Amino acid sequence: MRRVTFDTNVFISALNFGGNPKRLLDMAVAREVEVAISDPIIGEIERVLRVKFKWQADEVADTVAYLAGDGSRYVTGTAITVDGGLAA
């Protein structure tokens, strides 16, 4: 299986807009690729969601806690649905 690293723009676009970035995340869900994530990317995702997209602190904290957790150092086969409550 190929291991890829998505930059912050891919995560942010997938979470907020869909399109090709969402398809890339869907590839991870289908276990076609393994997504490696780093602490700097997690930090940037947090900042962008909070500052640019005005996500609530608890929404950002929940997403970042998941991404930063021991079990998700490599996010494999997992889609993270965080949409600011739009799907609720």
C-alpha atoms as a PDB file:
ATOM      1  CA  MET A   1       0.000   0.000   0.000  1.00  0.00           C
ATOM      2  CA  ARG A   2       1.242   3.472  -0.795  1.00  0.00           C
ATOM      3  CA  ARG A   3       1.797   5.880   2.064  1.00  0.00           C
ATOM      4  CA  VAL A   4       1.049   9.511   1.256  1.00  0.00           C
ATOM      5  CA  THR A   5       1.221  12.744   3.197  1.00  0.00           C
ATOM      6  CA  PHE A   6      -1.543  15.245   2.573  1.00  0.00           C
ATOM      7  CA  ASP A   7      -0.699  18.856   3.205  1.00  0.00           C
ATOM      8  CA  THR A   8      -3.039  21.068   5.179  1.00  0.00           C
ATOM      9  CA  ASN A   9      -4.790  22.302   2.041  1.00  0.00           C
ATOM     10  CA  VAL A  10      -5.929  18.781   1.157  1.00  0.00           C
ATOM     11  CA  PHE A  11      -7.406  18.184   4.621  1.00  0.00           C
ATOM     12  CA  ILE A  12      -9.059  21.611   4.806  1.00  0.00           C
ATOM     13  CA  SER A  13     -10.505  21.333   1.299  1.00  0.00           C
ATOM     14  CA  ALA A  14     -11.751  17.786   1.892  1.00  0.00           C
ATOM     15  CA  LEU A  15     -13.427  18.772   5.174  1.00  0.00           C
ATOM     16  CA  ASN A  16     -15.012  21.964   3.841  1.00  0.00           C
ATOM     17  CA  PHE A  17     -15.479  21.739   0.084  1.00  0.00           C
ATOM     18  CA  GLY A  18     -15.205  18.201  -1.311  1.00  0.00           C
ATOM     19  CA  GLY A  19     -13.945  17.802  -4.886  1.00  0.00           C
ATOM     20  CA  ASN A  20     -10.581  16.157  -5.613  1.00  0.00           C
ATOM     21  CA  PRO A  21      -9.356  16.494  -2.013  1.00  0.00           C
ATOM     22  CA  LYS A  22     -12.455  14.599  -0.834  1.00  0.00           C
ATOM     23  CA  ARG A  23     -11.733  11.908  -3.409  1.00  0.00           C
ATOM     24  CA  LEU A  24      -8.211  11.601  -1.994  1.00  0.00           C
ATOM     25  CA  LEU A  25      -9.639  11.159   1.501  1.00  0.00           C
ATOM     26  CA  ASP A  26     -12.093   8.610   0.071  1.00  0.00           C
ATOM     27  CA  MET A  27      -9.073   6.677  -1.247  1.00  0.00           C
ATOM     28  CA  ALA A  28      -7.831   6.452   2.333  1.00  0.00           C
ATOM     29  CA  VAL A  29     -11.230   5.188   3.467  1.00  0.00           C
ATOM     30  CA  ALA A  30     -11.105   2.546   0.747  1.00  0.00           C
ATOM     31  CA  ARG A  31      -7.610   1.604   1.962  1.00  0.00           C
ATOM     32  CA  GLU A  32      -6.112   2.434  -1.415  1.00  0.00           C
ATOM     33  CA  VAL A  33      -3.567   4.692   0.299  1.00  0.00           C
ATOM     34  CA  GLU A  34      -2.276   5.133   3.842  1.00  0.00           C
ATOM     35  CA  VAL A  35      -2.203   8.746   5.019  1.00  0.00           C
ATOM     36  CA  ALA A  36       0.679   9.823   7.247  1.00  0.00           C
ATOM     37  CA  ILE A  37       0.146  12.981   9.284  1.00  0.00           C
ATOM     38  CA  SER A  38       2.664  15.077  11.221  1.00  0.00           C
ATOM     39  CA  ASP A  39       2.370  17.329  14.251  1.00  0.00           C
ATOM     40  CA  PRO A  40       3.037  20.498  12.195  1.00  0.00           C
ATOM     41  CA  ILE A  41       0.185  19.599   9.825  1.00  0.00           C
ATOM     42  CA  ILE A  42      -2.142  18.973  12.776  1.00  0.00           C
ATOM     43  CA  GLY A  43      -1.253  22.379  14.206  1.00  0.00           C
ATOM     44  CA  GLU A  44      -1.857  24.119  10.915  1.00  0.00           C
ATOM     45  CA  ILE A  45      -5.207  22.351  10.429  1.00  0.00           C
ATOM     46  CA  GLU A  46      -6.243  23.557  13.883  1.00  0.00           C
ATOM     47  CA  ARG A  47      -5.258  27.151  13.154  1.00  0.00           C
ATOM     48  CA  VAL A  48      -6.931  27.281   9.744  1.00  0.00           C
ATOM     49  CA  LEU A  49     -10.204  25.742  10.952  1.00  0.00           C
ATOM     50  CA  ARG A  50     -10.329  28.132  13.908  1.00  0.00           C
ATOM     51  CA  VAL A  51      -9.188  31.367  12.277  1.00  0.00           C
ATOM     52  CA  LYS A  52     -10.230  31.144   8.636  1.00  0.00           C
ATOM     53  CA  PHE A  53     -13.336  28.979   8.880  1.00  0.00           C
ATOM     54  CA  LYS A  54     -14.511  30.109  12.333  1.00  0.00           C
ATOM     55  CA  TRP A  55     -15.062  26.596  13.661  1.00  0.00           C
ATOM     56  CA  GLN A  56     -16.014  26.435  17.310  1.00  0.00           C
ATOM     57  CA  ALA A  57     -13.234  25.609  19.762  1.00  0.00           C
ATOM     58  CA  ASP A  58     -14.797  22.264  20.743  1.00  0.00           C
ATOM     59  CA  GLU A  59     -15.166  21.173  17.104  1.00  0.00           C
ATOM     60  CA  VAL A  60     -11.536  21.980  16.398  1.00  0.00           C
ATOM     61  CA  ALA A  61     -10.372  20.414  19.668  1.00  0.00           C
ATOM     62  CA  ASP A  62     -12.224  17.151  18.968  1.00  0.00           C
ATOM     63  CA  THR A  63     -10.761  16.895  15.471  1.00  0.00           C
ATOM     64  CA  VAL A  64      -7.233  17.768  16.583  1.00  0.00           C
ATOM     65  CA  ALA A  65      -7.423  15.377  19.551  1.00  0.00           C
ATOM     66  CA  TYR A  66      -8.312  12.589  17.175  1.00  0.00           C
ATOM     67  CA  LEU A  67      -5.588  13.470  14.669  1.00  0.00           C
ATOM     68  CA  ALA A  68      -2.975  13.845  17.398  1.00  0.00           C
ATOM     69  CA  GLY A  69      -3.944  10.685  19.277  1.00  0.00           C
ATOM     70  CA  ASP A  70      -1.693   7.636  19.418  1.00  0.00           C
ATOM     71  CA  GLY A  71      -4.120   5.558  17.410  1.00  0.00           C
ATOM     72  CA  SER A  72      -4.138   7.934  14.476  1.00  0.00           C
ATOM     73  CA  ARG A  73      -0.516   8.844  13.930  1.00  0.00           C
ATOM     74  CA  TYR A  74      -1.170   7.192  10.578  1.00  0.00           C
ATOM     75  CA  VAL A  75      -4.747   7.836   9.555  1.00  0.00           C
ATOM     76  CA  THR A  76      -5.534   4.710   7.581  1.00  0.00           C
ATOM     77  CA  GLY A  77      -8.975   3.863   6.284  1.00  0.00           C
ATOM     78  CA  THR A  78     -10.620   6.616   8.287  1.00  0.00           C
ATOM     79  CA  ALA A  79     -12.614   9.623   7.156  1.00  0.00           C
ATOM     80  CA  ILE A  80     -13.040  12.414   9.652  1.00  0.00           C
ATOM     81  CA  THR A  81     -16.360  14.168   9.202  1.00  0.00           C
ATOM     82  CA  VAL A  82     -16.124  17.617  10.677  1.00  0.00           C
ATOM     83  CA  ASP A  83     -18.472  20.077   9.073  1.00  0.00           C
ATOM     84  CA  GLY A  84     -19.243  22.677  11.713  1.00  0.00           C
ATOM     85  CA  GLY A  85     -22.524  20.944  12.497  1.00  0.00           C
ATOM     86  CA  LEU A  86     -23.923  21.234   8.967  1.00  0.00           C
ATOM     87  CA  ALA A  87     -24.756  17.531   8.698  1.00  0.00           C
ATOM     88  CA  ALA A  88     -26.294  17.336  12.169  1.00  0.00           C
END
